[in-house]
PDB file of N, CA and C in Angstrom:
ATOM      1  N   UNK A   1      92.886 118.388  55.597  1.00  0.00           N
ATOM      2  CA  UNK A   1      94.279 118.813  55.482  1.00  0.00           C
ATOM      3  C   UNK A   1      95.152 117.587  55.191  1.00  0.00           C
ATOM      4  N   UNK A   2      95.971 117.631  54.143  1.00  0.00           N
ATOM      5  CA  UNK A   2      96.813 116.463  53.850  1.00  0.00           C
ATOM      6  C   UNK A   2      97.935 116.299  54.872  1.00  0.00           C
ATOM      7  N   UNK A   3      98.411 115.083  54.952  1.00  0.00           N
ATOM      8  CA  UNK A   3      99.516 114.807  55.862  1.00  0.00           C
ATOM      9  C   UNK A   3     100.805 115.419  55.330  1.00  0.00           C
ATOM     10  N   UNK A   4     101.681 115.817  56.245  1.00  0.00           N
ATOM     11  CA  UNK A   4     103.005 116.293  55.846  1.00  0.00           C
ATOM     12  C   UNK A   4     103.888 115.076  55.612  1.00  0.00           C
ATOM     13  N   UNK A   5     104.828 115.197  54.708  1.00  0.00           N
ATOM     14  CA  UNK A   5     105.708 114.068  54.411  1.00  0.00           C
ATOM     15  C   UNK A   5     107.049 114.227  55.110  1.00  0.00           C
ATOM     16  N   UNK A   6     107.544 113.121  55.620  1.00  0.00           N
ATOM     17  CA  UNK A   6     108.868 113.060  56.213  1.00  0.00           C
ATOM     18  C   UNK A   6     109.860 112.689  55.116  1.00  0.00           C
ATOM     19  N   UNK A   7     111.019 113.359  55.110  1.00  0.00           N
ATOM     20  CA  UNK A   7     112.064 113.009  54.146  1.00  0.00           C
ATOM     21  C   UNK A   7     112.568 111.604  54.441  1.00  0.00           C
ATOM     22  N   UNK A   8     112.504 110.719  53.456  1.00  0.00           N
ATOM     23  CA  UNK A   8     112.926 109.337  53.660  1.00  0.00           C
ATOM     24  C   UNK A   8     114.400 109.242  54.024  1.00  0.00           C
ATOM     25  N   UNK A   9     115.220 110.119  53.439  1.00  0.00           N
ATOM     26  CA  UNK A   9     116.652 110.068  53.738  1.00  0.00           C
ATOM     27  C   UNK A   9     116.911 110.424  55.190  1.00  0.00           C
ATOM     28  N   UNK A  10     116.107 111.314  55.754  1.00  0.00           N
ATOM     29  CA  UNK A  10     116.306 111.734  57.146  1.00  0.00           C
ATOM     30  C   UNK A  10     115.839 110.664  58.125  1.00  0.00           C
ATOM     31  N   UNK A  11     114.716 110.017  57.836  1.00  0.00           N
ATOM     32  CA  UNK A  11     114.221 109.022  58.783  1.00  0.00           C
ATOM     33  C   UNK A  11     115.145 107.808  58.847  1.00  0.00           C
ATOM     34  N   UNK A  12     115.935 107.588  57.782  1.00  0.00           N
ATOM     35  CA  UNK A  12     116.892 106.491  57.799  1.00  0.00           C
ATOM     36  C   UNK A  12     118.162 106.849  58.564  1.00  0.00           C
ATOM     37  N   UNK A  13     118.504 108.140  58.614  1.00  0.00           N
ATOM     38  CA  UNK A  13     119.803 108.543  59.140  1.00  0.00           C
ATOM     39  C   UNK A  13     119.775 109.176  60.527  1.00  0.00           C
ATOM     40  N   UNK A  14     118.642 109.740  60.925  1.00  0.00           N
ATOM     41  CA  UNK A  14     118.592 110.509  62.169  1.00  0.00           C
ATOM     42  C   UNK A  14     117.481 110.038  63.084  1.00  0.00           C
ATOM     43  N   UNK A  15     117.684 110.277  64.397  1.00  0.00           N
ATOM     44  CA  UNK A  15     116.648 110.070  65.406  1.00  0.00           C
ATOM     45  C   UNK A  15     116.640 111.288  66.305  1.00  0.00           C
ATOM     46  N   UNK A  16     115.506 111.535  66.953  1.00  0.00           N
ATOM     47  CA  UNK A  16     115.396 112.646  67.885  1.00  0.00           C
ATOM     48  C   UNK A  16     115.473 112.082  69.292  1.00  0.00           C
ATOM     49  N   UNK A  17     116.338 112.663  70.127  1.00  0.00           N
ATOM     50  CA  UNK A  17     116.485 112.202  71.501  1.00  0.00           C
ATOM     51  C   UNK A  17     115.327 112.725  72.347  1.00  0.00           C
ATOM     52  N   UNK A  18     115.263 112.281  73.585  1.00  0.00           N
ATOM     53  CA  UNK A  18     114.214 112.714  74.490  1.00  0.00           C
ATOM     54  C   UNK A  18     114.265 114.202  74.773  1.00  0.00           C
ATOM     55  N   UNK A  19     115.444 114.786  74.720  1.00  0.00           N
ATOM     56  CA  UNK A  19     115.587 116.219  74.978  1.00  0.00           C
ATOM     57  C   UNK A  19     115.465 117.049  73.706  1.00  0.00           C
ATOM     58  N   UNK A  20     115.226 116.394  72.554  1.00  0.00           N
ATOM     59  CA  UNK A  20     115.010 117.127  71.316  1.00  0.00           C
ATOM     60  C   UNK A  20     116.238 117.312  70.450  1.00  0.00           C
ATOM     61  N   UNK A  21     117.350 116.697  70.833  1.00  0.00           N
ATOM     62  CA  UNK A  21     118.544 116.792  70.003  1.00  0.00           C
ATOM     63  C   UNK A  21     118.478 115.758  68.888  1.00  0.00           C
ATOM     64  N   UNK A  22     119.183 116.036  67.793  1.00  0.00           N
ATOM     65  CA  UNK A  22     119.207 115.112  66.654  1.00  0.00           C
ATOM     66  C   UNK A  22     120.431 114.217  66.795  1.00  0.00           C
ATOM     67  N   UNK A  23     120.201 112.906  66.763  1.00  0.00           N
ATOM     68  CA  UNK A  23     121.268 111.923  66.935  1.00  0.00           C
ATOM     69  C   UNK A  23     121.609 111.328  65.578  1.00  0.00           C
ATOM     70  N   UNK A  24     122.912 111.156  65.333  1.00  0.00           N
ATOM     71  CA  UNK A  24     123.358 110.551  64.077  1.00  0.00           C
ATOM     72  C   UNK A  24     124.487 109.579  64.367  1.00  0.00           C
ATOM     73  N   UNK A  25     124.790 108.722  63.385  1.00  0.00           N
ATOM     74  CA  UNK A  25     125.898 107.784  63.512  1.00  0.00           C
ATOM     75  C   UNK A  25     127.213 108.526  63.278  1.00  0.00           C
ATOM     76  N   UNK A  26     128.270 107.981  63.804  1.00  0.00           N
ATOM     77  CA  UNK A  26     129.593 108.573  63.586  1.00  0.00           C
ATOM     78  C   UNK A  26     130.011 108.365  62.131  1.00  0.00           C
ATOM     79  N   UNK A  27     130.660 109.359  61.568  1.00  0.00           N
ATOM     80  CA  UNK A  27     131.078 109.296  60.167  1.00  0.00           C
ATOM     81  C   UNK A  27     132.441 108.618  60.032  1.00  0.00           C
ATOM     82  N   UNK A  28     132.725 108.140  58.832  1.00  0.00           N
ATOM     83  CA  UNK A  28     134.055 107.650  58.497  1.00  0.00           C
ATOM     84  C   UNK A  28     134.337 106.210  58.870  1.00  0.00           C
ATOM     85  N   UNK A  29     133.287 105.364  58.999  1.00  0.00           N
ATOM     86  CA  UNK A  29     133.524 103.990  59.410  1.00  0.00           C
ATOM     87  C   UNK A  29     133.002 102.960  58.418  1.00  0.00           C
ATOM     88  N   UNK A  30     132.692 103.363  57.202  1.00  0.00           N
ATOM     89  CA  UNK A  30     132.124 102.419  56.243  1.00  0.00           C
ATOM     90  C   UNK A  30     133.184 101.515  55.617  1.00  0.00           C
ATOM     91  N   UNK A  31     134.335 102.068  55.323  1.00  0.00           N
ATOM     92  CA  UNK A  31     135.390 101.276  54.689  1.00  0.00           C
ATOM     93  C   UNK A  31     136.719 101.955  54.966  1.00  0.00           C
ATOM     94  N   UNK A  32     137.811 101.272  54.603  1.00  0.00           N
ATOM     95  CA  UNK A  32     139.141 101.852  54.791  1.00  0.00           C
ATOM     96  C   UNK A  32     139.610 101.845  56.229  1.00  0.00           C
ATOM     97  N   UNK A  33     139.123 100.882  57.035  1.00  0.00           N
ATOM     98  CA  UNK A  33     139.488 100.846  58.448  1.00  0.00           C
ATOM     99  C   UNK A  33     140.957 100.520  58.667  1.00  0.00           C
ATOM    100  N   UNK A  34     141.575  99.877  57.692  1.00  0.00           N
ATOM    101  CA  UNK A  34     142.962  99.454  57.879  1.00  0.00           C
ATOM    102  C   UNK A  34     143.906 100.650  57.968  1.00  0.00           C
ATOM    103  N   UNK A  35     143.535 101.738  57.340  1.00  0.00           N
ATOM    104  CA  UNK A  35     144.393 102.921  57.387  1.00  0.00           C
ATOM    105  C   UNK A  35     144.063 103.850  58.554  1.00  0.00           C
ATOM    106  N   UNK A  36     142.971 103.582  59.278  1.00  0.00           N
ATOM    107  CA  UNK A  36     142.591 104.407  60.417  1.00  0.00           C
ATOM    108  C   UNK A  36     143.377 103.988  61.654  1.00  0.00           C
ATOM    109  N   UNK A  37     143.581 104.924  62.559  1.00  0.00           N
ATOM    110  CA  UNK A  37     144.263 104.581  63.805  1.00  0.00           C
ATOM    111  C   UNK A  37     143.264 103.929  64.752  1.00  0.00           C
ATOM    112  N   UNK A  38     143.801 103.171  65.708  1.00  0.00           N
ATOM    113  CA  UNK A  38     142.941 102.538  66.708  1.00  0.00           C
ATOM    114  C   UNK A  38     142.185 103.582  67.515  1.00  0.00           C
ATOM    115  N   UNK A  39     142.836 104.718  67.771  1.00  0.00           N
ATOM    116  CA  UNK A  39     142.188 105.800  68.514  1.00  0.00           C
ATOM    117  C   UNK A  39     140.986 106.342  67.739  1.00  0.00           C
ATOM    118  N   UNK A  40     141.140 106.513  66.424  1.00  0.00           N
ATOM    119  CA  UNK A  40     140.024 106.993  65.601  1.00  0.00           C
ATOM    120  C   UNK A  40     138.857 106.019  65.658  1.00  0.00           C
ATOM    121  N   UNK A  41     139.151 104.720  65.522  1.00  0.00           N
ATOM    122  CA  UNK A  41     138.096 103.705  65.516  1.00  0.00           C
ATOM    123  C   UNK A  41     137.378 103.681  66.862  1.00  0.00           C
ATOM    124  N   UNK A  42     138.124 103.788  67.955  1.00  0.00           N
ATOM    125  CA  UNK A  42     137.509 103.826  69.293  1.00  0.00           C
ATOM    126  C   UNK A  42     136.612 105.042  69.456  1.00  0.00           C
ATOM    127  N   UNK A  43     137.126 106.202  69.045  1.00  0.00           N
ATOM    128  CA  UNK A  43     136.382 107.445  69.224  1.00  0.00           C
ATOM    129  C   UNK A  43     135.146 107.518  68.332  1.00  0.00           C
ATOM    130  N   UNK A  44     135.136 106.775  67.237  1.00  0.00           N
ATOM    131  CA  UNK A  44     134.018 106.830  66.295  1.00  0.00           C
ATOM    132  C   UNK A  44     132.954 105.774  66.582  1.00  0.00           C
ATOM    133  N   UNK A  45     133.009 105.130  67.731  1.00  0.00           N
ATOM    134  CA  UNK A  45     131.976 104.166  68.100  1.00  0.00           C
ATOM    135  C   UNK A  45     130.670 104.876  68.440  1.00  0.00           C
ATOM    136  N   UNK A  46     129.574 104.164  68.249  1.00  0.00           N
ATOM    137  CA  UNK A  46     128.291 104.667  68.725  1.00  0.00           C
ATOM    138  C   UNK A  46     127.747 105.818  67.906  1.00  0.00           C
ATOM    139  N   UNK A  47     127.127 106.780  68.607  1.00  0.00           N
ATOM    140  CA  UNK A  47     126.459 107.886  67.940  1.00  0.00           C
ATOM    141  C   UNK A  47     126.941 109.210  68.508  1.00  0.00           C
ATOM    142  N   UNK A  48     126.544 110.283  67.841  1.00  0.00           N
ATOM    143  CA  UNK A  48     126.865 111.628  68.298  1.00  0.00           C
ATOM    144  C   UNK A  48     125.679 112.530  67.970  1.00  0.00           C
ATOM    145  N   UNK A  49     125.726 113.785  68.396  1.00  0.00           N
ATOM    146  CA  UNK A  49     124.626 114.705  68.142  1.00  0.00           C
ATOM    147  C   UNK A  49     125.020 115.714  67.075  1.00  0.00           C
ATOM    148  N   UNK A  50     124.020 116.219  66.387  1.00  0.00           N
ATOM    149  CA  UNK A  50     124.248 117.243  65.367  1.00  0.00           C
ATOM    150  C   UNK A  50     124.453 118.604  66.014  1.00  0.00           C
ATOM    151  N   UNK A  51     125.113 119.490  65.299  1.00  0.00           N
ATOM    152  CA  UNK A  51     125.269 120.859  65.768  1.00  0.00           C
ATOM    153  C   UNK A  51     123.930 121.586  65.645  1.00  0.00           C
ATOM    154  N   UNK A  52     123.814 122.705  66.344  1.00  0.00           N
ATOM    155  CA  UNK A  52     122.571 123.486  66.329  1.00  0.00           C
ATOM    156  C   UNK A  52     122.216 123.944  64.914  1.00  0.00           C
ATOM    157  N   UNK A  53     123.228 124.365  64.150  1.00  0.00           N
ATOM    158  CA  UNK A  53     122.974 124.847  62.795  1.00  0.00           C
ATOM    159  C   UNK A  53     122.422 123.732  61.910  1.00  0.00           C
ATOM    160  N   UNK A  54     122.964 122.523  62.042  1.00  0.00           N
ATOM    161  CA  UNK A  54     122.482 121.402  61.239  1.00  0.00           C
ATOM    162  C   UNK A  54     121.121 120.917  61.717  1.00  0.00           C
ATOM    163  N   UNK A  55     120.861 121.039  63.033  1.00  0.00           N
ATOM    164  CA  UNK A  55     119.554 120.667  63.570  1.00  0.00           C
ATOM    165  C   UNK A  55     118.442 121.470  62.917  1.00  0.00           C
ATOM    166  N   UNK A  56     118.677 122.753  62.690  1.00  0.00           N
ATOM    167  CA  UNK A  56     117.667 123.617  62.088  1.00  0.00           C
ATOM    168  C   UNK A  56     117.316 123.170  60.675  1.00  0.00           C
ATOM    169  N   UNK A  57     118.255 122.515  59.992  1.00  0.00           N
ATOM    170  CA  UNK A  57     118.002 122.023  58.641  1.00  0.00           C
ATOM    171  C   UNK A  57     117.210 120.712  58.685  1.00  0.00           C
ATOM    172  N   UNK A  58     117.566 119.834  59.623  1.00  0.00           N
ATOM    173  CA  UNK A  58     117.008 118.482  59.649  1.00  0.00           C
ATOM    174  C   UNK A  58     115.612 118.435  60.266  1.00  0.00           C
ATOM    175  N   UNK A  59     115.367 119.177  61.342  1.00  0.00           N
ATOM    176  CA  UNK A  59     114.097 119.075  62.058  1.00  0.00           C
ATOM    177  C   UNK A  59     112.856 119.363  61.191  1.00  0.00           C
ATOM    178  N   UNK A  60     112.888 120.374  60.313  1.00  0.00           N
ATOM    179  CA  UNK A  60     111.701 120.553  59.465  1.00  0.00           C
ATOM    180  C   UNK A  60     111.444 119.402  58.500  1.00  0.00           C
ATOM    181  N   UNK A  61     112.452 118.600  58.212  1.00  0.00           N
ATOM    182  CA  UNK A  61     112.281 117.467  57.316  1.00  0.00           C
ATOM    183  C   UNK A  61     111.649 116.275  58.031  1.00  0.00           C
ATOM    184  N   UNK A  62     111.544 116.348  59.365  1.00  0.00           N
ATOM    185  CA  UNK A  62     110.963 115.258  60.159  1.00  0.00           C
ATOM    186  C   UNK A  62     109.838 115.829  61.021  1.00  0.00           C
ATOM    187  N   UNK A  63     108.687 116.161  60.415  1.00  0.00           N
ATOM    188  CA  UNK A  63     107.639 116.860  61.150  1.00  0.00           C
ATOM    189  C   UNK A  63     106.976 116.037  62.252  1.00  0.00           C
ATOM    190  N   UNK A  64     107.011 114.723  62.161  1.00  0.00           N
ATOM    191  CA  UNK A  64     106.304 113.905  63.157  1.00  0.00           C
ATOM    192  C   UNK A  64     107.214 113.328  64.218  1.00  0.00           C
ATOM    193  N   UNK A  65     108.482 113.669  64.201  1.00  0.00           N
ATOM    194  CA  UNK A  65     109.373 113.190  65.259  1.00  0.00           C
ATOM    195  C   UNK A  65     109.114 114.012  66.501  1.00  0.00           C
ATOM    196  N   UNK A  66     109.152 113.385  67.634  1.00  0.00           N
ATOM    197  CA  UNK A  66     108.827 114.054  68.903  1.00  0.00           C
ATOM    198  C   UNK A  66     110.039 114.740  69.478  1.00  0.00           C
TER     199      UNK A  66
END
């Protein structure tokens, strides 16, 4: 049986947490920070989790993630 392939774009952007949730980086922080408010920049630190609907799309693309 051949190995299943993981989507390269997904393995670069997402991780699976210990409880099985999909973790992603916060959006909107690549450029244009000068026009963002300090509150936006603070709130967009770190990572966040995907919604259930988006999880259903991403998880099949990462068959070997635990």
